[in-house]
Amino acid sequence: MNIQKFTAFKKFINKQIKPALLYIGLLFCISPVVAQLKHVAIHHDFNKELTEVNLSFTLPAGFKEIKAVNNEELPFDYGIELPGADFEIWFQIRSLKVKMDKDKVNNPDSLYLEMGREQAIALMGDKNYLIRSIPDYSLANYNADAGKTYLLNLPDMATTKHYKFAMIVVLQKNHTGTLLAVCLANELGPGFFKNLKMASSCIKFNP
């Protein structure tokens, strides 16, 4: 993306960032009403990851399970989509309870930063993207200690199903685990934030 296009993209995103953070706060909260919904049959490996890092998950109304991309660059554990809306979310979970390579991660509780950067680069290369910290009041909603969002203008790639935009949300519970979600869409207008809101009851760290 050249400088002029990125500047225009950044201005547009800055106008949208407040509602985006609001919906991100909702995205990873499970309300008491939704918690009463019948749990779907989650893929065994993903369920194992959820248990290991003490996460709870409920499939949002209107969404269905899909097979997320899982390869060396995009190692996702689970995916959901909103049928007919060109909107998907892929999830990746990593435990901080296991012994880690000290040469690769000097401070395990900073893993979420590394995961976010690596995923952004894997999706669009070493190019400009917009980063925001998730505020404390939103982190508290899903019992996380730290988090970032990354907004990307995607290149046209088969591996990302030719989606045009991605929002990476990475959350961490210190000494427990890290959750990374990639929200994929073909537009970043009101429809995108409406779809985020529809996914407002999804996943959170347990107290």
N, C-alpha and C. Protein backbone atom coordinates (compact mmCIF):
# COMPACT_ATOMS: atom_id res chain seq x y z
N MET A 1 0.86 -1.20 0.00
CA MET A 1 0.00 0.00 0.00
C MET A 1 0.89 1.24 0.00
N ASN A 2 0.70 2.23 -0.91
CA ASN A 2 1.52 3.42 -0.91
C ASN A 2 1.10 4.36 0.22
N ILE A 3 1.91 5.42 0.42
CA ILE A 3 1.69 6.32 1.56
C ILE A 3 0.33 7.00 1.51
N GLN A 4 -0.08 7.47 0.33
CA GLN A 4 -1.37 8.17 0.22
C GLN A 4 -2.53 7.24 0.55
N LYS A 5 -2.49 6.01 0.01
CA LYS A 5 -3.56 5.06 0.28
C LYS A 5 -3.58 4.69 1.76
N PHE A 6 -2.39 4.50 2.35
CA PHE A 6 -2.36 4.14 3.77
C PHE A 6 -2.88 5.26 4.63
N THR A 7 -2.52 6.54 4.28
CA THR A 7 -3.01 7.69 5.06
C THR A 7 -4.53 7.76 5.01
N ALA A 8 -5.10 7.55 3.82
CA ALA A 8 -6.56 7.57 3.70
C ALA A 8 -7.19 6.43 4.48
N PHE A 9 -6.56 5.26 4.39
CA PHE A 9 -7.05 4.09 5.14
C PHE A 9 -7.00 4.36 6.63
N LYS A 10 -5.90 4.97 7.10
CA LYS A 10 -5.74 5.27 8.53
C LYS A 10 -6.80 6.26 9.01
N LYS A 11 -7.08 7.31 8.21
CA LYS A 11 -8.10 8.28 8.60
C LYS A 11 -9.46 7.63 8.72
N PHE A 12 -9.78 6.75 7.76
CA PHE A 12 -11.06 6.05 7.81
C PHE A 12 -11.16 5.18 9.05
N ILE A 13 -10.07 4.45 9.34
CA ILE A 13 -10.06 3.54 10.48
C ILE A 13 -10.17 4.30 11.79
N ASN A 14 -9.49 5.46 11.89
CA ASN A 14 -9.56 6.24 13.13
C ASN A 14 -10.99 6.67 13.44
N LYS A 15 -11.79 6.92 12.37
CA LYS A 15 -13.20 7.28 12.58
C LYS A 15 -14.00 6.10 13.10
N GLN A 16 -13.53 4.87 12.77
CA GLN A 16 -14.28 3.67 13.12
C GLN A 16 -13.77 3.02 14.40
N ILE A 17 -12.62 3.48 14.94
CA ILE A 17 -11.94 2.72 15.99
C ILE A 17 -12.74 2.67 17.30
N LYS A 18 -13.48 3.74 17.63
CA LYS A 18 -14.25 3.71 18.87
C LYS A 18 -15.34 2.65 18.86
N PRO A 19 -16.19 2.62 17.79
CA PRO A 19 -17.16 1.52 17.77
C PRO A 19 -16.49 0.16 17.66
N ALA A 20 -15.33 0.10 17.01
CA ALA A 20 -14.63 -1.19 16.89
C ALA A 20 -14.23 -1.70 18.26
N LEU A 21 -13.66 -0.84 19.09
CA LEU A 21 -13.25 -1.27 20.43
C LEU A 21 -14.46 -1.66 21.28
N LEU A 22 -15.57 -0.95 21.08
CA LEU A 22 -16.79 -1.30 21.81
C LEU A 22 -17.22 -2.71 21.45
N TYR A 23 -17.25 -3.00 20.16
CA TYR A 23 -17.71 -4.32 19.73
C TYR A 23 -16.71 -5.40 20.05
N ILE A 24 -15.41 -5.04 20.09
CA ILE A 24 -14.41 -6.02 20.52
C ILE A 24 -14.67 -6.41 21.97
N GLY A 25 -15.02 -5.39 22.78
CA GLY A 25 -15.37 -5.70 24.16
C GLY A 25 -16.54 -6.65 24.24
N LEU A 26 -17.49 -6.48 23.34
CA LEU A 26 -18.64 -7.38 23.30
C LEU A 26 -18.28 -8.73 22.71
N LEU A 27 -17.38 -8.72 21.74
CA LEU A 27 -17.04 -9.94 21.01
C LEU A 27 -16.57 -11.04 21.93
N PHE A 28 -15.86 -10.68 23.00
CA PHE A 28 -15.28 -11.69 23.86
C PHE A 28 -15.97 -11.76 25.22
N CYS A 29 -17.24 -11.38 25.26
CA CYS A 29 -18.02 -11.50 26.49
C CYS A 29 -19.16 -12.48 26.27
N ILE A 30 -19.48 -13.23 27.28
CA ILE A 30 -20.62 -14.14 27.20
C ILE A 30 -21.65 -13.69 28.22
N SER A 31 -22.80 -13.21 27.73
CA SER A 31 -23.82 -12.72 28.64
C SER A 31 -24.56 -13.88 29.27
N PRO A 32 -25.23 -13.66 30.42
CA PRO A 32 -25.98 -14.75 31.05
C PRO A 32 -27.02 -15.36 30.13
N VAL A 33 -27.66 -14.55 29.27
CA VAL A 33 -28.68 -15.10 28.38
C VAL A 33 -28.06 -16.05 27.39
N VAL A 34 -26.96 -15.62 26.76
CA VAL A 34 -26.31 -16.47 25.77
C VAL A 34 -25.72 -17.70 26.41
N ALA A 35 -25.27 -17.59 27.64
CA ALA A 35 -24.67 -18.73 28.33
C ALA A 35 -25.68 -19.87 28.50
N GLN A 36 -26.98 -19.55 28.38
CA GLN A 36 -28.00 -20.57 28.51
C GLN A 36 -28.24 -21.33 27.21
N LEU A 37 -27.64 -20.83 26.09
CA LEU A 37 -27.82 -21.51 24.81
C LEU A 37 -27.13 -22.86 24.81
N LYS A 38 -27.65 -23.76 24.01
CA LYS A 38 -27.07 -25.09 23.91
C LYS A 38 -25.69 -25.01 23.26
N HIS A 39 -24.69 -25.62 23.88
CA HIS A 39 -23.34 -25.60 23.33
C HIS A 39 -23.28 -26.53 22.12
N VAL A 40 -22.57 -26.08 21.10
CA VAL A 40 -22.42 -26.89 19.90
C VAL A 40 -21.29 -27.88 20.09
N ALA A 41 -21.23 -28.84 19.18
CA ALA A 41 -20.16 -29.84 19.23
C ALA A 41 -18.88 -29.22 18.68
N ILE A 42 -18.00 -28.81 19.56
CA ILE A 42 -16.77 -28.15 19.16
C ILE A 42 -15.73 -29.21 18.78
N HIS A 43 -14.91 -28.88 17.79
CA HIS A 43 -13.85 -29.79 17.37
C HIS A 43 -13.02 -30.21 18.58
N HIS A 44 -12.68 -31.49 18.66
CA HIS A 44 -12.01 -32.05 19.84
C HIS A 44 -10.73 -31.29 20.18
N ASP A 45 -9.88 -31.01 19.19
CA ASP A 45 -8.61 -30.33 19.47
C ASP A 45 -8.83 -28.92 20.00
N PHE A 46 -9.82 -28.21 19.45
CA PHE A 46 -10.11 -26.87 19.91
C PHE A 46 -10.66 -26.91 21.33
N ASN A 47 -11.51 -27.85 21.61
CA ASN A 47 -12.06 -28.00 22.96
C ASN A 47 -10.95 -28.28 23.97
N LYS A 48 -9.97 -29.07 23.57
CA LYS A 48 -8.83 -29.37 24.42
C LYS A 48 -8.03 -28.10 24.71
N GLU A 49 -7.84 -27.27 23.68
CA GLU A 49 -7.11 -26.01 23.86
C GLU A 49 -7.90 -25.08 24.79
N LEU A 50 -9.21 -25.01 24.62
CA LEU A 50 -10.03 -24.16 25.49
C LEU A 50 -9.87 -24.56 26.95
N THR A 51 -9.92 -25.85 27.20
CA THR A 51 -9.81 -26.35 28.58
C THR A 51 -8.45 -26.04 29.16
N GLU A 52 -7.41 -26.20 28.34
CA GLU A 52 -6.04 -26.02 28.83
C GLU A 52 -5.77 -24.59 29.29
N VAL A 53 -6.38 -23.61 28.62
CA VAL A 53 -6.13 -22.22 28.99
C VAL A 53 -7.33 -21.60 29.71
N ASN A 54 -8.28 -22.44 30.13
CA ASN A 54 -9.42 -22.00 30.94
C ASN A 54 -10.27 -20.95 30.24
N LEU A 55 -10.65 -21.26 28.99
CA LEU A 55 -11.53 -20.40 28.20
C LEU A 55 -12.91 -21.03 28.07
N SER A 56 -13.93 -20.19 27.93
CA SER A 56 -15.29 -20.64 27.64
C SER A 56 -15.69 -20.14 26.26
N PHE A 57 -16.42 -20.96 25.52
CA PHE A 57 -16.84 -20.60 24.17
C PHE A 57 -18.29 -21.00 23.93
N THR A 58 -19.05 -20.11 23.28
CA THR A 58 -20.41 -20.39 22.83
C THR A 58 -20.54 -19.89 21.41
N LEU A 59 -21.06 -20.71 20.51
CA LEU A 59 -21.23 -20.29 19.12
C LEU A 59 -22.26 -19.17 19.04
N PRO A 60 -21.91 -18.02 18.45
CA PRO A 60 -22.87 -16.92 18.35
C PRO A 60 -24.07 -17.28 17.47
N ALA A 61 -25.22 -16.75 17.80
CA ALA A 61 -26.43 -17.00 17.03
C ALA A 61 -26.23 -16.54 15.58
N GLY A 62 -26.64 -17.38 14.64
CA GLY A 62 -26.52 -17.05 13.23
C GLY A 62 -25.24 -17.51 12.57
N PHE A 63 -24.24 -17.88 13.37
CA PHE A 63 -22.96 -18.33 12.85
C PHE A 63 -22.93 -19.85 12.75
N LYS A 64 -22.01 -20.36 11.95
CA LYS A 64 -21.80 -21.80 11.87
C LYS A 64 -20.30 -22.11 11.90
N GLU A 65 -19.97 -23.31 12.31
CA GLU A 65 -18.58 -23.73 12.36
C GLU A 65 -18.04 -23.96 10.96
N ILE A 66 -16.76 -23.62 10.76
CA ILE A 66 -16.08 -23.90 9.51
C ILE A 66 -14.67 -24.42 9.82
N LYS A 67 -14.03 -24.94 8.82
CA LYS A 67 -12.65 -25.38 8.98
C LYS A 67 -11.74 -24.19 8.72
N ALA A 68 -11.04 -23.76 9.75
CA ALA A 68 -10.13 -22.62 9.61
C ALA A 68 -8.86 -23.04 8.89
N VAL A 69 -8.19 -22.07 8.28
CA VAL A 69 -6.91 -22.34 7.65
C VAL A 69 -5.90 -22.79 8.71
N ASN A 70 -5.19 -23.86 8.42
CA ASN A 70 -4.21 -24.36 9.38
C ASN A 70 -2.97 -24.83 8.62
N ASN A 71 -1.98 -23.93 8.53
CA ASN A 71 -0.70 -24.26 7.91
C ASN A 71 0.41 -23.58 8.69
N GLU A 72 1.62 -23.61 8.17
CA GLU A 72 2.76 -23.09 8.93
C GLU A 72 2.63 -21.61 9.23
N GLU A 73 2.13 -20.82 8.29
CA GLU A 73 2.01 -19.38 8.48
C GLU A 73 0.70 -18.98 9.15
N LEU A 74 -0.35 -19.75 8.92
CA LEU A 74 -1.67 -19.44 9.48
C LEU A 74 -2.17 -20.65 10.27
N PRO A 75 -1.62 -20.86 11.46
CA PRO A 75 -1.97 -22.06 12.24
C PRO A 75 -3.17 -21.86 13.15
N PHE A 76 -4.37 -21.88 12.57
CA PHE A 76 -5.57 -21.64 13.36
C PHE A 76 -6.23 -22.95 13.78
N ASP A 77 -6.87 -22.89 14.96
CA ASP A 77 -7.45 -24.09 15.57
C ASP A 77 -8.93 -24.28 15.23
N TYR A 78 -9.63 -23.19 14.89
CA TYR A 78 -11.09 -23.28 14.79
C TYR A 78 -11.59 -22.04 14.05
N GLY A 79 -12.73 -22.17 13.36
CA GLY A 79 -13.28 -21.03 12.65
C GLY A 79 -14.79 -21.02 12.66
N ILE A 80 -15.37 -19.82 12.51
CA ILE A 80 -16.82 -19.65 12.38
C ILE A 80 -17.07 -18.64 11.28
N GLU A 81 -18.27 -18.70 10.68
CA GLU A 81 -18.63 -17.73 9.66
C GLU A 81 -20.09 -17.35 9.80
N LEU A 82 -20.41 -16.17 9.27
CA LEU A 82 -21.80 -15.71 9.18
C LEU A 82 -22.23 -15.94 7.74
N PRO A 83 -23.03 -16.97 7.47
CA PRO A 83 -23.38 -17.33 6.10
C PRO A 83 -23.98 -16.16 5.30
N GLY A 84 -23.47 -15.98 4.08
CA GLY A 84 -23.98 -14.95 3.19
C GLY A 84 -23.51 -13.55 3.48
N ALA A 85 -22.61 -13.39 4.46
CA ALA A 85 -22.20 -12.04 4.87
C ALA A 85 -20.74 -11.73 4.57
N ASP A 86 -20.00 -12.67 3.98
CA ASP A 86 -18.56 -12.48 3.74
C ASP A 86 -17.85 -12.06 5.02
N PHE A 87 -18.05 -12.84 6.07
CA PHE A 87 -17.48 -12.51 7.38
C PHE A 87 -17.13 -13.80 8.11
N GLU A 88 -15.85 -13.94 8.49
CA GLU A 88 -15.38 -15.12 9.20
C GLU A 88 -14.51 -14.70 10.38
N ILE A 89 -14.41 -15.59 11.38
CA ILE A 89 -13.49 -15.40 12.50
C ILE A 89 -12.72 -16.69 12.68
N TRP A 90 -11.38 -16.59 12.69
CA TRP A 90 -10.52 -17.74 12.95
C TRP A 90 -9.85 -17.56 14.30
N PHE A 91 -9.76 -18.66 15.06
CA PHE A 91 -9.22 -18.61 16.42
C PHE A 91 -7.93 -19.42 16.54
N GLN A 92 -7.03 -18.88 17.35
CA GLN A 92 -5.78 -19.56 17.67
C GLN A 92 -5.54 -19.42 19.17
N ILE A 93 -5.26 -20.52 19.85
CA ILE A 93 -5.07 -20.51 21.30
C ILE A 93 -3.69 -21.07 21.63
N ARG A 94 -2.98 -20.40 22.54
CA ARG A 94 -1.67 -20.88 22.95
C ARG A 94 -1.57 -20.84 24.48
N SER A 95 -1.12 -21.94 25.06
CA SER A 95 -0.99 -22.03 26.51
C SER A 95 0.32 -21.43 26.98
N LEU A 96 0.30 -20.76 28.13
CA LEU A 96 1.52 -20.26 28.76
C LEU A 96 1.92 -21.16 29.93
N LYS A 97 1.21 -22.26 30.10
CA LYS A 97 1.49 -23.16 31.21
C LYS A 97 2.60 -24.15 30.87
N VAL A 98 2.83 -24.35 29.56
CA VAL A 98 3.85 -25.31 29.14
C VAL A 98 5.21 -24.65 29.15
N LYS A 99 6.24 -25.45 29.22
CA LYS A 99 7.61 -24.93 29.20
C LYS A 99 7.89 -24.36 27.82
N MET A 100 8.43 -23.13 27.76
CA MET A 100 8.63 -22.46 26.49
C MET A 100 10.12 -22.32 26.19
N ASP A 101 10.43 -22.16 24.92
CA ASP A 101 11.81 -21.95 24.46
C ASP A 101 12.26 -20.57 24.90
N LYS A 102 13.19 -20.51 25.85
CA LYS A 102 13.62 -19.22 26.41
C LYS A 102 14.33 -18.35 25.39
N ASP A 103 14.93 -18.98 24.38
CA ASP A 103 15.61 -18.19 23.35
C ASP A 103 14.61 -17.46 22.46
N LYS A 104 13.41 -18.05 22.34
CA LYS A 104 12.39 -17.45 21.48
C LYS A 104 11.51 -16.48 22.25
N VAL A 105 11.16 -16.81 23.47
CA VAL A 105 10.29 -15.96 24.27
C VAL A 105 10.93 -15.73 25.63
N ASN A 106 11.56 -14.56 25.82
CA ASN A 106 12.22 -14.27 27.08
C ASN A 106 11.23 -14.02 28.20
N ASN A 107 10.11 -13.45 27.85
CA ASN A 107 9.07 -13.17 28.83
C ASN A 107 7.76 -13.76 28.31
N PRO A 108 7.33 -14.90 28.83
CA PRO A 108 6.10 -15.54 28.32
C PRO A 108 4.89 -14.62 28.32
N ASP A 109 4.83 -13.69 29.30
CA ASP A 109 3.67 -12.81 29.38
C ASP A 109 3.68 -11.71 28.33
N SER A 110 4.70 -11.67 27.48
CA SER A 110 4.69 -10.75 26.33
C SER A 110 4.41 -11.50 25.04
N LEU A 111 4.03 -12.76 25.14
CA LEU A 111 3.80 -13.58 23.96
C LEU A 111 2.72 -13.00 23.06
N TYR A 112 1.71 -12.35 23.64
CA TYR A 112 0.61 -11.82 22.84
C TYR A 112 1.11 -10.78 21.83
N LEU A 113 2.13 -10.00 22.21
CA LEU A 113 2.70 -9.01 21.30
C LEU A 113 3.38 -9.69 20.11
N GLU A 114 4.14 -10.72 20.40
CA GLU A 114 4.82 -11.46 19.34
C GLU A 114 3.82 -12.14 18.42
N MET A 115 2.77 -12.74 19.01
CA MET A 115 1.76 -13.42 18.21
C MET A 115 1.05 -12.44 17.28
N GLY A 116 0.70 -11.27 17.79
CA GLY A 116 0.00 -10.28 16.98
C GLY A 116 0.86 -9.80 15.82
N ARG A 117 2.12 -9.47 16.10
CA ARG A 117 3.02 -9.00 15.04
C ARG A 117 3.25 -10.08 13.98
N GLU A 118 3.53 -11.30 14.45
CA GLU A 118 3.80 -12.38 13.50
C GLU A 118 2.59 -12.67 12.61
N GLN A 119 1.39 -12.60 13.20
CA GLN A 119 0.20 -12.88 12.40
C GLN A 119 -0.06 -11.77 11.40
N ALA A 120 0.17 -10.52 11.80
CA ALA A 120 0.00 -9.40 10.88
C ALA A 120 0.96 -9.52 9.70
N ILE A 121 2.20 -9.87 9.97
CA ILE A 121 3.19 -10.03 8.91
C ILE A 121 2.83 -11.20 8.01
N ALA A 122 2.35 -12.30 8.60
CA ALA A 122 1.97 -13.47 7.81
C ALA A 122 0.82 -13.14 6.87
N LEU A 123 -0.08 -12.25 7.29
CA LEU A 123 -1.25 -11.93 6.49
C LEU A 123 -0.97 -10.90 5.39
N MET A 124 -0.07 -9.96 5.66
CA MET A 124 0.12 -8.90 4.66
C MET A 124 1.57 -8.52 4.43
N GLY A 125 2.52 -9.25 5.00
CA GLY A 125 3.91 -8.92 4.79
C GLY A 125 4.36 -7.76 5.66
N ASP A 126 5.57 -7.30 5.44
CA ASP A 126 6.14 -6.22 6.25
C ASP A 126 5.65 -4.87 5.73
N LYS A 127 4.35 -4.60 5.95
CA LYS A 127 3.73 -3.37 5.47
C LYS A 127 3.03 -2.66 6.62
N ASN A 128 2.49 -1.48 6.31
CA ASN A 128 1.82 -0.68 7.34
C ASN A 128 0.52 -1.32 7.79
N TYR A 129 0.29 -1.30 9.08
CA TYR A 129 -0.99 -1.70 9.63
C TYR A 129 -1.23 -0.88 10.89
N LEU A 130 -2.48 -0.81 11.30
CA LEU A 130 -2.87 0.06 12.41
C LEU A 130 -3.01 -0.76 13.70
N ILE A 131 -2.31 -0.34 14.76
CA ILE A 131 -2.32 -1.07 16.03
C ILE A 131 -2.97 -0.20 17.10
N ARG A 132 -3.80 -0.84 17.92
CA ARG A 132 -4.40 -0.16 19.07
C ARG A 132 -4.36 -1.08 20.29
N SER A 133 -4.12 -0.51 21.46
CA SER A 133 -4.23 -1.27 22.71
C SER A 133 -5.70 -1.37 23.11
N ILE A 134 -6.09 -2.51 23.62
CA ILE A 134 -7.46 -2.68 24.13
C ILE A 134 -7.51 -2.08 25.53
N PRO A 135 -8.43 -1.17 25.79
CA PRO A 135 -8.48 -0.49 27.09
C PRO A 135 -8.81 -1.44 28.23
N ASP A 136 -8.42 -1.04 29.43
CA ASP A 136 -8.59 -1.89 30.61
C ASP A 136 -10.05 -2.27 30.85
N TYR A 137 -10.98 -1.33 30.62
CA TYR A 137 -12.38 -1.66 30.91
C TYR A 137 -12.89 -2.76 29.99
N SER A 138 -12.36 -2.82 28.75
CA SER A 138 -12.75 -3.91 27.86
C SER A 138 -12.06 -5.21 28.24
N LEU A 139 -10.78 -5.13 28.62
CA LEU A 139 -10.06 -6.33 29.05
C LEU A 139 -10.76 -6.99 30.23
N ALA A 140 -11.26 -6.17 31.15
CA ALA A 140 -11.91 -6.70 32.34
C ALA A 140 -13.16 -7.50 32.00
N ASN A 141 -13.80 -7.17 30.88
CA ASN A 141 -15.02 -7.86 30.49
C ASN A 141 -14.78 -9.34 30.21
N TYR A 142 -13.58 -9.66 29.77
CA TYR A 142 -13.30 -11.07 29.48
C TYR A 142 -12.09 -11.59 30.24
N ASN A 143 -11.83 -10.97 31.41
CA ASN A 143 -10.84 -11.49 32.36
C ASN A 143 -9.45 -11.61 31.75
N ALA A 144 -9.10 -10.69 30.87
CA ALA A 144 -7.77 -10.69 30.25
C ALA A 144 -6.90 -9.61 30.91
N ASP A 145 -5.59 -9.79 30.81
CA ASP A 145 -4.65 -8.84 31.40
C ASP A 145 -4.07 -7.87 30.38
N ALA A 146 -4.05 -8.25 29.11
CA ALA A 146 -3.47 -7.39 28.09
C ALA A 146 -4.07 -7.75 26.74
N GLY A 147 -4.02 -6.80 25.80
CA GLY A 147 -4.55 -7.08 24.48
C GLY A 147 -4.27 -5.98 23.48
N LYS A 148 -4.24 -6.35 22.21
CA LYS A 148 -4.02 -5.41 21.10
C LYS A 148 -4.97 -5.75 19.97
N THR A 149 -5.25 -4.75 19.13
CA THR A 149 -5.95 -4.99 17.86
C THR A 149 -5.06 -4.50 16.73
N TYR A 150 -5.16 -5.19 15.60
CA TYR A 150 -4.40 -4.84 14.40
C TYR A 150 -5.40 -4.80 13.24
N LEU A 151 -5.45 -3.67 12.53
CA LEU A 151 -6.32 -3.55 11.36
C LEU A 151 -5.46 -3.58 10.10
N LEU A 152 -5.81 -4.48 9.17
CA LEU A 152 -4.99 -4.73 8.00
C LEU A 152 -5.80 -4.59 6.73
N ASN A 153 -5.17 -4.05 5.72
CA ASN A 153 -5.69 -4.05 4.36
C ASN A 153 -4.99 -5.20 3.65
N LEU A 154 -5.71 -6.29 3.37
CA LEU A 154 -5.09 -7.53 2.91
C LEU A 154 -4.76 -7.52 1.42
N PRO A 155 -3.65 -8.15 1.05
CA PRO A 155 -3.41 -8.41 -0.37
C PRO A 155 -4.35 -9.51 -0.84
N ASP A 156 -4.54 -9.60 -2.12
CA ASP A 156 -5.43 -10.61 -2.70
C ASP A 156 -4.73 -11.96 -2.67
N MET A 157 -5.15 -12.86 -1.75
CA MET A 157 -4.49 -14.15 -1.58
C MET A 157 -5.52 -15.25 -1.45
N ALA A 158 -5.23 -16.39 -2.04
CA ALA A 158 -6.12 -17.54 -1.92
C ALA A 158 -6.18 -18.06 -0.49
N THR A 159 -5.06 -17.97 0.25
CA THR A 159 -5.02 -18.50 1.61
C THR A 159 -5.96 -17.77 2.56
N THR A 160 -6.25 -16.50 2.25
CA THR A 160 -7.22 -15.75 3.06
C THR A 160 -8.55 -15.61 2.33
N LYS A 161 -8.77 -16.50 1.36
CA LYS A 161 -10.04 -16.57 0.63
C LYS A 161 -10.38 -15.26 -0.07
N HIS A 162 -9.33 -14.49 -0.42
CA HIS A 162 -9.46 -13.23 -1.15
C HIS A 162 -10.22 -12.15 -0.37
N TYR A 163 -10.28 -12.30 0.97
CA TYR A 163 -10.86 -11.24 1.79
C TYR A 163 -10.01 -9.98 1.67
N LYS A 164 -10.63 -8.82 1.81
CA LYS A 164 -9.94 -7.55 1.62
C LYS A 164 -9.40 -6.96 2.92
N PHE A 165 -10.05 -7.26 4.05
CA PHE A 165 -9.65 -6.65 5.32
C PHE A 165 -9.62 -7.70 6.44
N ALA A 166 -8.80 -7.41 7.44
CA ALA A 166 -8.75 -8.27 8.62
C ALA A 166 -8.55 -7.43 9.86
N MET A 167 -9.22 -7.81 10.92
CA MET A 167 -8.95 -7.26 12.24
C MET A 167 -8.42 -8.40 13.11
N ILE A 168 -7.19 -8.24 13.57
CA ILE A 168 -6.60 -9.21 14.49
C ILE A 168 -6.85 -8.73 15.91
N VAL A 169 -7.39 -9.60 16.74
CA VAL A 169 -7.58 -9.30 18.16
C VAL A 169 -6.77 -10.33 18.95
N VAL A 170 -5.86 -9.85 19.78
CA VAL A 170 -5.05 -10.77 20.57
C VAL A 170 -5.20 -10.39 22.04
N LEU A 171 -5.53 -11.40 22.86
CA LEU A 171 -5.79 -11.22 24.28
C LEU A 171 -4.92 -12.17 25.09
N GLN A 172 -4.50 -11.73 26.26
CA GLN A 172 -3.66 -12.59 27.09
C GLN A 172 -4.09 -12.59 28.55
N LYS A 173 -4.14 -13.76 29.13
CA LYS A 173 -4.28 -13.95 30.57
C LYS A 173 -2.92 -14.39 31.07
N ASN A 174 -2.26 -13.54 31.84
CA ASN A 174 -0.89 -13.81 32.26
C ASN A 174 -0.77 -15.15 32.99
N HIS A 175 0.30 -15.86 32.70
CA HIS A 175 0.60 -17.17 33.29
C HIS A 175 -0.42 -18.24 32.92
N THR A 176 -1.31 -17.94 31.99
CA THR A 176 -2.36 -18.89 31.62
C THR A 176 -2.37 -19.18 30.13
N GLY A 177 -2.69 -18.18 29.30
CA GLY A 177 -2.77 -18.44 27.88
C GLY A 177 -3.05 -17.19 27.06
N THR A 178 -2.94 -17.35 25.76
CA THR A 178 -3.16 -16.26 24.81
C THR A 178 -4.17 -16.69 23.76
N LEU A 179 -5.10 -15.80 23.45
CA LEU A 179 -6.12 -16.03 22.44
C LEU A 179 -5.93 -15.03 21.31
N LEU A 180 -5.87 -15.53 20.08
CA LEU A 180 -5.79 -14.67 18.91
C LEU A 180 -6.96 -14.98 18.00
N ALA A 181 -7.68 -13.93 17.58
CA ALA A 181 -8.80 -14.09 16.67
C ALA A 181 -8.60 -13.17 15.48
N VAL A 182 -8.85 -13.67 14.28
CA VAL A 182 -8.78 -12.86 13.08
C VAL A 182 -10.18 -12.76 12.48
N CYS A 183 -10.68 -11.53 12.40
CA CYS A 183 -12.00 -11.27 11.81
C CYS A 183 -11.78 -10.82 10.37
N LEU A 184 -12.30 -11.57 9.42
CA LEU A 184 -12.08 -11.32 7.99
C LEU A 184 -13.34 -10.79 7.33
N ALA A 185 -13.20 -9.77 6.49
CA ALA A 185 -14.36 -9.16 5.84
C ALA A 185 -13.95 -8.52 4.53
N ASN A 186 -14.94 -8.15 3.73
CA ASN A 186 -14.69 -7.46 2.46
C ASN A 186 -15.01 -5.98 2.51
N GLU A 187 -15.45 -5.50 3.67
CA GLU A 187 -15.67 -4.07 3.84
C GLU A 187 -15.55 -3.73 5.32
N LEU A 188 -15.21 -2.46 5.59
CA LEU A 188 -15.03 -2.01 6.98
C LEU A 188 -16.04 -0.94 7.36
N GLY A 189 -17.14 -0.89 6.68
CA GLY A 189 -18.19 0.07 6.99
C GLY A 189 -19.12 -0.44 8.08
N PRO A 190 -20.33 0.09 8.13
CA PRO A 190 -21.29 -0.30 9.17
C PRO A 190 -21.58 -1.79 9.20
N GLY A 191 -21.57 -2.45 8.03
CA GLY A 191 -21.85 -3.88 8.00
C GLY A 191 -20.84 -4.69 8.77
N PHE A 192 -19.58 -4.28 8.70
CA PHE A 192 -18.52 -4.99 9.43
C PHE A 192 -18.78 -4.93 10.93
N PHE A 193 -19.08 -3.73 11.42
CA PHE A 193 -19.30 -3.57 12.86
C PHE A 193 -20.62 -4.20 13.31
N LYS A 194 -21.58 -4.24 12.41
CA LYS A 194 -22.82 -4.96 12.71
C LYS A 194 -22.54 -6.45 12.89
N ASN A 195 -21.70 -7.00 12.02
CA ASN A 195 -21.36 -8.42 12.13
C ASN A 195 -20.55 -8.71 13.39
N LEU A 196 -19.66 -7.80 13.73
CA LEU A 196 -18.92 -7.95 14.99
C LEU A 196 -19.88 -7.99 16.17
N LYS A 197 -20.88 -7.11 16.12
CA LYS A 197 -21.86 -7.06 17.21
C LYS A 197 -22.64 -8.37 17.29
N MET A 198 -22.94 -8.95 16.12
CA MET A 198 -23.66 -10.23 16.12
C MET A 198 -22.83 -11.34 16.75
N ALA A 199 -21.50 -11.17 16.71
CA ALA A 199 -20.60 -12.15 17.32
C ALA A 199 -20.23 -11.72 18.74
N SER A 200 -21.12 -10.94 19.36
CA SER A 200 -20.78 -10.33 20.64
C SER A 200 -20.72 -11.31 21.81
N SER A 201 -21.20 -12.51 21.63
CA SER A 201 -21.16 -13.50 22.71
C SER A 201 -20.40 -14.71 22.20
N CYS A 202 -19.15 -14.76 22.54
CA CYS A 202 -18.33 -15.77 21.89
C CYS A 202 -17.38 -16.48 22.84
N ILE A 203 -16.40 -15.78 23.38
CA ILE A 203 -15.32 -16.46 24.10
C ILE A 203 -14.73 -15.54 25.16
N LYS A 204 -14.32 -16.11 26.29
CA LYS A 204 -13.65 -15.32 27.32
C LYS A 204 -12.87 -16.24 28.25
N PHE A 205 -11.89 -15.67 28.93
CA PHE A 205 -11.19 -16.39 29.97
C PHE A 205 -12.10 -16.51 31.19
N ASN A 206 -12.08 -17.66 31.81
CA ASN A 206 -12.85 -17.83 33.03
C ASN A 206 -12.16 -17.12 34.18
N PRO A 207 -12.92 -16.69 35.19
CA PRO A 207 -12.31 -16.00 36.34
C PRO A 207 -11.30 -16.88 37.04
